[in-house]
Amino acid sequence: MIFKNAYAGWDSVAKAHEKSFFDFEFITWMAWTWQTALFFVFIAICLTAMIIWEKKMPGGTPRRGILGLDTTRGDRLFVSLLSAAYIHLAWLGLVDLTLWIATIISVLFSIIVFRYV
């Protein structure tokens, strides 16, 4: 399975350590790995790109897609990110293949959402 070689470093979570300038108490409950940090950086980049897109080309007015709902660019981004999370969770629970295939499916689904929803 995918988690056989993953090691989050749980032994260092409860250890007392000296406080430093970059010691954030409010997020120490989470086992931070480079993958987790990269995920949050990706979300920040998506939001920044949406802001720049709206500033450069205003026109995020709602449009009616195949679902019959009025959606803006932000709505479609939210639906894409939420759907990607569910696709990845379903993939982890149901399939024993590499997670990159779920990522490709999520990207293709996001393209469809931005184009038709």
Protein backbone atom coordinates (compact mmCIF):
# COMPACT_ATOMS: atom_id res chain seq x y z
CA MET A 1 0.00 0.00 0.00
CA ILE A 2 1.04 3.59 -0.33
CA PHE A 3 1.74 4.18 3.36
CA LYS A 4 4.22 1.36 3.89
CA ASN A 5 7.27 3.56 3.36
CA ALA A 6 5.77 6.83 4.60
CA TYR A 7 7.13 8.06 7.91
CA ALA A 8 5.69 11.21 9.41
CA GLY A 9 8.07 11.37 12.36
CA TRP A 10 5.58 10.90 15.19
CA ASP A 11 8.33 10.32 17.75
CA SER A 12 9.32 13.97 17.64
CA VAL A 13 5.78 15.37 18.02
CA ALA A 14 5.60 15.24 21.83
CA LYS A 15 9.22 16.15 22.57
CA ALA A 16 9.88 19.39 24.39
CA HIS A 17 12.06 21.78 22.44
CA GLU A 18 13.44 25.27 22.80
CA LYS A 19 11.32 27.99 21.25
CA SER A 20 12.70 29.77 18.23
CA PHE A 21 11.58 32.68 16.09
CA PHE A 22 9.77 30.39 13.64
CA ASP A 23 8.06 28.23 16.27
CA PHE A 24 4.35 28.23 15.57
CA GLU A 25 2.40 26.77 18.49
CA PHE A 26 -0.94 26.81 16.72
CA ILE A 27 0.10 24.27 14.06
CA THR A 28 2.28 21.88 16.05
CA TRP A 29 -0.59 19.37 16.39
CA MET A 30 -0.13 18.46 12.72
CA ALA A 31 2.69 16.22 11.49
CA TRP A 32 4.14 18.56 8.86
CA THR A 33 5.89 16.96 5.93
CA TRP A 34 7.09 18.52 2.71
CA GLN A 35 4.06 17.06 0.92
CA THR A 36 1.68 18.72 3.37
CA ALA A 37 3.44 22.05 3.05
CA LEU A 38 3.44 21.72 -0.75
CA PHE A 39 -0.32 21.13 -0.68
CA PHE A 40 -0.96 24.35 1.24
CA VAL A 41 1.44 26.26 -1.01
CA PHE A 42 -0.52 24.95 -4.01
CA ILE A 43 -3.80 26.21 -2.53
CA ALA A 44 -2.21 29.64 -1.90
CA ILE A 45 -0.92 29.73 -5.49
CA CYS A 46 -4.39 28.85 -6.82
CA LEU A 47 -6.00 31.64 -4.83
CA THR A 48 -3.30 34.12 -5.88
CA ALA A 49 -3.71 33.11 -9.53
CA MET A 50 -7.48 33.61 -9.27
CA ILE A 51 -6.95 37.11 -7.84
CA ILE A 52 -4.51 38.03 -10.61
CA TRP A 53 -6.83 36.55 -13.25
CA GLU A 54 -9.75 38.62 -11.95
CA LYS A 55 -7.64 41.80 -11.83
CA LYS A 56 -6.28 41.29 -15.37
CA MET A 57 -9.51 40.12 -16.97
CA PRO A 58 -12.55 41.16 -14.97
CA GLY A 59 -15.58 39.18 -15.85
CA GLY A 60 -16.08 36.63 -13.16
CA THR A 61 -19.79 37.23 -13.47
CA PRO A 62 -21.90 34.16 -12.86
CA ARG A 63 -22.69 31.94 -15.82
CA ARG A 64 -25.12 29.07 -16.11
CA GLY A 65 -23.45 25.73 -16.80
CA ILE A 66 -24.63 22.18 -17.39
CA LEU A 67 -25.79 21.83 -13.79
CA GLY A 68 -28.19 24.73 -14.18
CA LEU A 69 -26.48 26.70 -11.42
CA ASP A 70 -25.00 30.16 -11.71
CA THR A 71 -21.29 29.77 -10.88
CA THR A 72 -18.36 32.19 -10.82
CA ARG A 73 -14.67 31.38 -11.31
CA GLY A 74 -14.25 31.09 -7.56
CA ASP A 75 -17.18 28.68 -7.32
CA ARG A 76 -15.67 26.52 -10.03
CA LEU A 77 -12.27 26.56 -8.27
CA PHE A 78 -13.94 25.49 -5.02
CA VAL A 79 -15.84 22.68 -6.74
CA SER A 80 -12.64 21.54 -8.46
CA LEU A 81 -10.60 21.47 -5.23
CA LEU A 82 -13.35 19.74 -3.27
CA SER A 83 -13.84 17.18 -6.04
CA ALA A 84 -10.09 16.54 -6.19
CA ALA A 85 -10.11 15.82 -2.46
CA TYR A 86 -12.97 13.32 -2.84
CA ILE A 87 -11.36 11.70 -5.90
CA HIS A 88 -8.12 11.20 -3.96
CA LEU A 89 -9.90 9.84 -0.88
CA ALA A 90 -11.92 7.42 -2.98
CA TRP A 91 -8.77 6.36 -4.80
CA LEU A 92 -6.96 5.68 -1.54
CA GLY A 93 -9.89 3.70 -0.17
CA LEU A 94 -10.78 1.67 -3.24
CA VAL A 95 -7.70 1.25 -5.43
CA ASP A 96 -4.21 0.02 -4.66
CA LEU A 97 -2.48 1.81 -7.55
CA THR A 98 -0.27 4.88 -7.57
CA LEU A 99 -1.85 8.14 -6.46
CA TRP A 100 -0.61 9.97 -9.56
CA ILE A 101 -3.45 8.47 -11.56
CA ALA A 102 -5.97 10.08 -9.17
CA THR A 103 -4.11 13.38 -9.59
CA ILE A 104 -4.40 13.15 -13.38
CA ILE A 105 -8.11 12.33 -13.06
CA SER A 106 -8.53 15.34 -10.74
CA VAL A 107 -6.79 17.69 -13.19
CA LEU A 108 -8.94 16.45 -16.07
CA PHE A 109 -12.07 16.82 -13.95
CA SER A 110 -11.04 20.36 -13.00
CA ILE A 111 -10.65 21.27 -16.67
CA ILE A 112 -14.15 19.95 -17.33
CA VAL A 113 -15.54 21.89 -14.35
CA PHE A 114 -13.97 25.16 -15.47
CA ARG A 115 -15.16 24.64 -19.03
CA TYR A 116 -18.70 23.36 -18.60
CA VAL A 117 -19.98 23.99 -15.06
